Structures are given as structure tokens and as C-alpha cells.
N, C-alpha and C. Protein backbone atom coordinates (compact mmCIF):
# COMPACT_ATOMS: atom_id res chain seq x y z
N TRP A 1 0.84 -1.18 0.06
CA TRP A 1 -0.01 -0.06 0.01
C TRP A 1 0.88 1.20 -0.01
N MET A 2 1.86 1.33 0.80
CA MET A 2 2.70 2.44 0.80
C MET A 2 3.25 2.59 -0.52
N TRP A 3 3.88 1.50 -1.24
CA TRP A 3 4.54 1.66 -2.42
C TRP A 3 3.58 2.19 -3.38
N ARG A 4 2.28 1.80 -3.46
CA ARG A 4 1.26 2.36 -4.56
C ARG A 4 1.16 3.83 -4.30
N MET A 5 1.07 4.22 -2.95
CA MET A 5 0.81 5.65 -2.74
C MET A 5 2.11 6.50 -3.23
N MET A 6 3.38 5.80 -2.99
CA MET A 6 4.57 6.50 -3.30
C MET A 6 4.62 6.59 -4.88
N GLU A 7 4.16 5.63 -5.52
CA GLU A 7 4.11 5.75 -7.09
C GLU A 7 3.14 6.86 -7.40
N ARG A 8 2.06 7.00 -6.75
CA ARG A 8 1.22 8.19 -7.18
C ARG A 8 1.83 9.46 -6.70
N LEU A 9 2.57 9.51 -5.69
CA LEU A 9 3.26 10.76 -5.37
C LEU A 9 4.22 11.12 -6.45
N VAL A 10 5.01 10.04 -7.00
CA VAL A 10 6.15 10.27 -7.83
C VAL A 10 5.45 10.75 -9.14
N ARG A 11 4.33 10.24 -9.61
CA ARG A 11 3.75 10.68 -10.84
C ARG A 11 3.01 12.05 -10.79
N GLY A 12 2.91 12.52 -9.48
CA GLY A 12 2.16 13.79 -9.21
C GLY A 12 0.60 13.48 -9.27
N GLU A 13 0.09 12.41 -9.13
CA GLU A 13 -1.16 12.08 -9.10
C GLU A 13 -2.03 12.04 -7.80
N ALA A 14 -1.13 12.19 -6.76
CA ALA A 14 -1.73 12.07 -5.42
C ALA A 14 -2.36 13.44 -5.01
N GLU A 15 -3.17 13.35 -3.94
CA GLU A 15 -3.56 14.65 -3.32
C GLU A 15 -2.70 15.14 -2.31
N ILE A 16 -2.67 16.45 -1.99
CA ILE A 16 -1.66 17.07 -0.97
C ILE A 16 -1.96 16.24 0.32
N HIS A 17 -3.14 16.01 0.74
CA HIS A 17 -3.52 15.34 2.08
C HIS A 17 -2.84 14.03 2.03
N GLU A 18 -2.60 13.37 1.03
CA GLU A 18 -2.13 12.00 1.10
C GLU A 18 -0.62 12.04 1.54
N ILE A 19 -0.01 12.99 1.51
CA ILE A 19 1.39 13.11 2.00
C ILE A 19 1.23 12.73 3.42
N ASP A 20 0.32 13.56 4.26
CA ASP A 20 0.09 13.29 5.69
C ASP A 20 -0.37 12.01 6.00
N THR A 21 -1.30 11.36 5.22
CA THR A 21 -1.77 10.11 5.28
C THR A 21 -0.63 9.15 5.36
N LEU A 22 0.31 9.22 4.22
CA LEU A 22 1.44 8.21 4.12
C LEU A 22 2.31 8.38 5.35
N GLU A 23 2.61 9.58 5.74
CA GLU A 23 3.48 9.77 6.80
C GLU A 23 2.90 9.11 8.29
N GLN A 24 1.59 9.28 8.41
CA GLN A 24 0.98 8.64 9.54
C GLN A 24 1.08 7.22 9.43
N VAL A 25 0.88 6.61 8.29
CA VAL A 25 1.06 5.11 8.08
C VAL A 25 2.37 4.62 8.44
N THR A 26 3.41 5.36 8.00
CA THR A 26 4.71 4.96 8.22
C THR A 26 5.12 5.07 9.71
N ARG A 27 4.38 5.96 10.46
CA ARG A 27 4.65 6.02 11.94
C ARG A 27 3.96 4.81 12.63
N GLN A 28 2.91 4.35 11.92
CA GLN A 28 2.14 3.38 12.68
C GLN A 28 2.92 1.96 12.34
N VAL A 29 3.67 1.97 11.29
CA VAL A 29 4.29 0.60 10.80
C VAL A 29 5.75 0.55 11.69
N GLU A 30 6.26 1.65 11.95
CA GLU A 30 7.49 1.76 12.58
C GLU A 30 7.47 1.25 13.98
N GLY A 31 8.25 0.33 14.25
CA GLY A 31 8.43 -0.22 15.58
C GLY A 31 7.22 -1.08 16.01
N HIS A 32 6.24 -1.46 15.05
CA HIS A 32 5.07 -2.26 15.42
C HIS A 32 5.08 -3.54 14.73
N THR A 33 6.06 -3.90 14.06
CA THR A 33 6.08 -5.13 13.36
C THR A 33 7.22 -6.10 13.95
N ILE A 34 6.85 -7.37 13.77
CA ILE A 34 7.86 -8.21 14.11
C ILE A 34 9.12 -8.32 13.25
N CYS A 35 8.93 -8.06 12.09
CA CYS A 35 9.95 -8.11 11.03
C CYS A 35 10.60 -6.72 10.88
N ALA A 36 11.83 -6.68 10.63
CA ALA A 36 12.50 -5.39 10.52
C ALA A 36 12.29 -4.75 9.18
N LEU A 37 11.62 -5.39 8.30
CA LEU A 37 11.24 -4.84 6.93
C LEU A 37 10.28 -3.81 6.97
N GLY A 38 9.35 -3.86 8.14
CA GLY A 38 8.46 -2.71 8.29
C GLY A 38 9.15 -1.33 8.48
N ASP A 39 10.12 -1.45 9.55
CA ASP A 39 10.93 -0.09 9.61
C ASP A 39 11.74 0.26 8.40
N ALA A 40 12.36 -0.80 7.77
CA ALA A 40 13.10 -0.53 6.55
C ALA A 40 12.23 0.04 5.45
N ALA A 41 10.99 -0.27 5.47
CA ALA A 41 10.10 0.47 4.46
C ALA A 41 9.64 1.81 4.80
N ALA A 42 9.52 2.02 6.24
CA ALA A 42 8.89 3.31 6.76
C ALA A 42 10.02 4.42 6.63
N TRP A 43 11.28 4.04 7.10
CA TRP A 43 12.11 5.11 7.19
C TRP A 43 12.58 6.02 5.95
N PRO A 44 12.85 5.29 4.91
CA PRO A 44 13.01 6.01 3.74
C PRO A 44 11.76 7.14 3.25
N ILE A 45 10.67 6.57 3.51
CA ILE A 45 9.56 7.51 3.15
C ILE A 45 9.49 8.65 4.19
N GLN A 46 9.72 8.46 5.35
CA GLN A 46 9.73 9.46 6.31
C GLN A 46 10.78 10.41 6.15
N GLY A 47 11.91 10.05 5.63
CA GLY A 47 13.01 10.99 5.34
C GLY A 47 12.74 11.74 4.09
N LEU A 48 12.09 11.07 3.04
CA LEU A 48 11.69 11.76 1.77
C LEU A 48 10.58 12.99 2.22
N ILE A 49 9.58 12.53 3.03
CA ILE A 49 8.64 13.57 3.37
C ILE A 49 9.31 14.71 4.20
N LYS A 50 10.15 14.38 5.11
CA LYS A 50 10.75 15.34 6.01
C LYS A 50 11.73 16.25 5.17
N ASN A 51 12.42 15.81 4.23
CA ASN A 51 13.36 16.69 3.55
C ASN A 51 12.85 17.22 2.24
N PHE A 52 11.87 16.51 1.50
CA PHE A 52 11.44 17.07 0.31
C PHE A 52 10.01 17.35 0.09
N ARG A 53 9.32 17.40 1.22
CA ARG A 53 7.90 17.66 1.20
C ARG A 53 7.41 18.93 0.27
N PRO A 54 8.15 20.11 0.25
CA PRO A 54 7.75 21.00 -0.63
C PRO A 54 7.85 20.63 -2.15
N GLU A 55 8.99 19.98 -2.51
CA GLU A 55 9.03 19.45 -3.79
C GLU A 55 7.93 18.45 -4.21
N ILE A 56 7.50 17.64 -3.38
CA ILE A 56 6.38 16.62 -3.48
C ILE A 56 5.18 17.49 -3.70
N GLU A 57 4.81 18.56 -2.89
CA GLU A 57 3.69 19.27 -3.14
C GLU A 57 3.72 19.97 -4.36
N ARG A 58 4.87 20.58 -4.84
CA ARG A 58 5.05 21.22 -6.22
C ARG A 58 4.74 20.32 -7.24
N ARG A 59 5.13 19.06 -7.09
CA ARG A 59 4.97 18.02 -8.33
C ARG A 59 3.44 17.85 -8.30
N ILE A 60 2.77 17.67 -7.23
CA ILE A 60 1.45 17.36 -7.29
C ILE A 60 0.61 18.67 -7.85
N VAL A 61 0.93 19.83 -7.48
CA VAL A 61 0.28 21.20 -8.02
C VAL A 61 0.66 21.19 -9.57
N ALA A 62 1.78 20.85 -9.95
CA ALA A 62 2.28 20.98 -11.29
C ALA A 62 1.36 20.01 -12.20
N HIS A 63 1.35 18.78 -11.67
CA HIS A 63 0.56 17.83 -12.55
C HIS A 63 -0.90 18.21 -12.62
N ARG A 64 -1.47 18.62 -11.50
CA ARG A 64 -2.88 19.06 -11.55
C ARG A 64 -3.04 20.20 -12.56
N ALA A 65 -2.12 21.12 -12.57
CA ALA A 65 -2.21 22.29 -13.55
C ALA A 65 -2.03 21.69 -14.93
N ALA A 66 -1.09 20.80 -15.18
CA ALA A 66 -0.87 20.23 -16.55
C ALA A 66 -2.18 19.39 -17.00
N SER A 67 -2.75 18.88 -16.08
CA SER A 67 -3.95 18.05 -16.40
C SER A 67 -5.14 18.88 -16.71
N ALA A 68 -5.26 20.14 -16.02
CA ALA A 68 -6.29 20.98 -16.33
C ALA A 68 -6.07 21.67 -17.77
N VAL A 69 -4.89 21.88 -18.05
CA VAL A 69 -4.55 22.46 -19.40
C VAL A 69 -4.90 21.51 -20.53
N GLU A 70 -4.51 20.17 -20.35
CA GLU A 70 -4.76 19.25 -21.29
C GLU A 70 -6.34 18.99 -21.47
N ALA A 71 -7.02 19.04 -20.36
CA ALA A 71 -8.52 18.93 -20.48
C ALA A 71 -9.10 19.99 -21.16
N ALA A 72 -8.59 21.27 -21.06
CA ALA A 72 -9.09 22.36 -21.66
C ALA A 72 -8.86 22.39 -23.18
N GLU A 73 -7.96 21.73 -23.67
CA GLU A 73 -7.59 21.74 -25.08
C GLU A 73 -8.38 20.94 -25.90
């Protein structure tokens, strides 16, 4: 699920509020799984959001604007 949401973020197809949702999910996974792979999946996403949130938001806004232009043509 986190991977699918990340793919949507990469393509700019997500909504801004989904960034917070994804971050909350990573916090719920972190430290709550028997397998260390849960933490290993959560930490890079947390780092990405912490360090690049403005860029993620710009990508979403730009994608939305480009989609609106294409729809108008």
C-alpha cells in the first residue's frame, strides 16, 4: 500500500493530504512489526517527506495544472 501511494506521489497524481496520510501510516508501521522490513520500508519514506515535502507538493500542483490544461484543449 505504501508503495502504491509512493508511485502516485512520484507521478504527481496524489492529493496533498495523502502526504500526511502516508507519513502517518509509516509512523504506525515503525516499531510495530515483528519483522525489521516494516521499519526498513517506513524510514526512507519518512526521510523523503521530511526533507522534500515542498518538492512533492510542487509536483502534485504542477501535475494538476498540466492535467487542467490538457483537459481544456
